[in-house]
Amino acid sequence: MPPVRSRFWFEVGLGALSLVLLILTLVWKDWIEVVFDVDPDAGNGSFEAVLTIATVATFVASTAAACWDYRRSREAPIRPSSGRF
């Protein structure tokens, strides 16, 4: 595996977190009310719809950025070591 920048790992982590939130929201619609003990949309489900759209957008954007960073690291020329730190 070619060396990648730390931004790549941030993007992978953000994509994974958004995927987990997406799956959690799709499987258990009331998790926000139960975990945080609040009801931001008064039970009509609009907050969950917005959260689902936001997590899908975040997942797609972070995955695309991570793929772009990975491809960029593979195409980068290997520089010879100069002997300095």
Protein backbone atom coordinates (compact mmCIF):
# COMPACT_ATOMS: atom_id res chain seq x y z
CA MET A 1 0.00 0.00 0.00
CA PRO A 2 1.45 3.38 -0.92
CA PRO A 3 1.93 5.96 1.81
CA VAL A 4 -1.13 8.15 2.15
CA ARG A 5 -1.67 11.45 3.90
CA SER A 6 -3.42 11.65 7.24
CA ARG A 7 -6.29 13.44 5.49
CA PHE A 8 -7.07 10.13 3.75
CA TRP A 9 -7.62 8.41 7.10
CA PHE A 10 -9.80 11.30 8.31
CA GLU A 11 -11.95 10.95 5.20
CA VAL A 12 -12.22 7.18 5.63
CA GLY A 13 -13.22 7.63 9.28
CA LEU A 14 -15.79 10.29 8.42
CA GLY A 15 -17.25 8.05 5.74
CA ALA A 16 -17.45 5.12 8.14
CA LEU A 17 -19.10 7.23 10.84
CA SER A 18 -21.66 8.63 8.41
CA LEU A 19 -22.42 5.12 7.14
CA VAL A 20 -23.00 3.89 10.70
CA LEU A 21 -25.32 6.85 11.40
CA LEU A 22 -27.16 6.21 8.14
CA ILE A 23 -27.74 2.55 8.93
CA LEU A 24 -28.73 3.39 12.51
CA THR A 25 -31.25 5.98 11.30
CA LEU A 26 -32.73 3.64 8.70
CA VAL A 27 -33.04 0.69 11.09
CA TRP A 28 -34.04 2.50 14.29
CA LYS A 29 -35.87 5.72 13.48
CA ASP A 30 -36.31 6.89 17.09
CA TRP A 31 -32.70 6.52 18.22
CA ILE A 32 -32.18 10.28 18.52
CA GLU A 33 -35.14 10.65 20.86
CA VAL A 34 -34.04 7.68 22.98
CA VAL A 35 -30.32 8.46 23.17
CA PHE A 36 -30.50 12.25 23.64
CA ASP A 37 -33.93 12.41 25.31
CA VAL A 38 -35.13 15.15 22.95
CA ASP A 39 -37.76 15.28 20.23
CA PRO A 40 -36.55 17.88 17.70
CA ASP A 41 -39.36 17.31 15.18
CA ALA A 42 -42.26 16.60 17.55
CA GLY A 43 -42.62 13.05 16.24
CA ASN A 44 -43.23 13.76 12.54
CA GLY A 45 -39.93 12.27 11.28
CA SER A 46 -38.64 15.33 9.41
CA PHE A 47 -35.43 15.47 11.45
CA GLU A 48 -34.68 11.85 10.63
CA ALA A 49 -35.24 12.56 6.92
CA VAL A 50 -32.82 15.50 7.04
CA LEU A 51 -30.30 13.40 8.98
CA THR A 52 -30.56 10.61 6.41
CA ILE A 53 -29.96 13.01 3.51
CA ALA A 54 -27.04 14.64 5.34
CA THR A 55 -25.38 11.32 6.15
CA VAL A 56 -25.74 10.07 2.57
CA ALA A 57 -24.18 13.30 1.27
CA THR A 58 -21.36 13.10 3.82
CA PHE A 59 -20.69 9.45 3.01
CA VAL A 60 -20.57 10.06 -0.75
CA ALA A 61 -18.37 13.16 -0.44
CA SER A 62 -15.89 11.65 2.03
CA THR A 63 -15.63 8.39 0.10
CA ALA A 64 -15.00 10.25 -3.15
CA ALA A 65 -12.36 12.43 -1.47
CA ALA A 66 -10.65 9.39 0.07
CA CYS A 67 -10.58 7.63 -3.31
CA TRP A 68 -9.12 10.72 -4.92
CA ASP A 69 -6.41 11.01 -2.22
CA TYR A 70 -5.58 7.31 -2.54
CA ARG A 71 -5.25 7.50 -6.33
CA ARG A 72 -3.16 10.63 -5.99
CA SER A 73 -0.78 8.88 -3.58
CA ARG A 74 -0.39 5.94 -5.99
CA GLU A 75 0.48 8.25 -8.88
CA ALA A 76 2.96 10.36 -6.91
CA PRO A 77 6.54 9.86 -8.01
CA ILE A 78 8.82 8.23 -5.48
CA ARG A 79 11.48 10.71 -4.47
CA PRO A 80 14.90 9.42 -3.56
CA SER A 81 15.97 10.00 0.00
CA SER A 82 18.24 12.99 0.49
CA GLY A 83 19.70 11.63 3.69
CA ARG A 84 18.24 14.48 5.72
CA PHE A 85 15.38 14.25 8.17
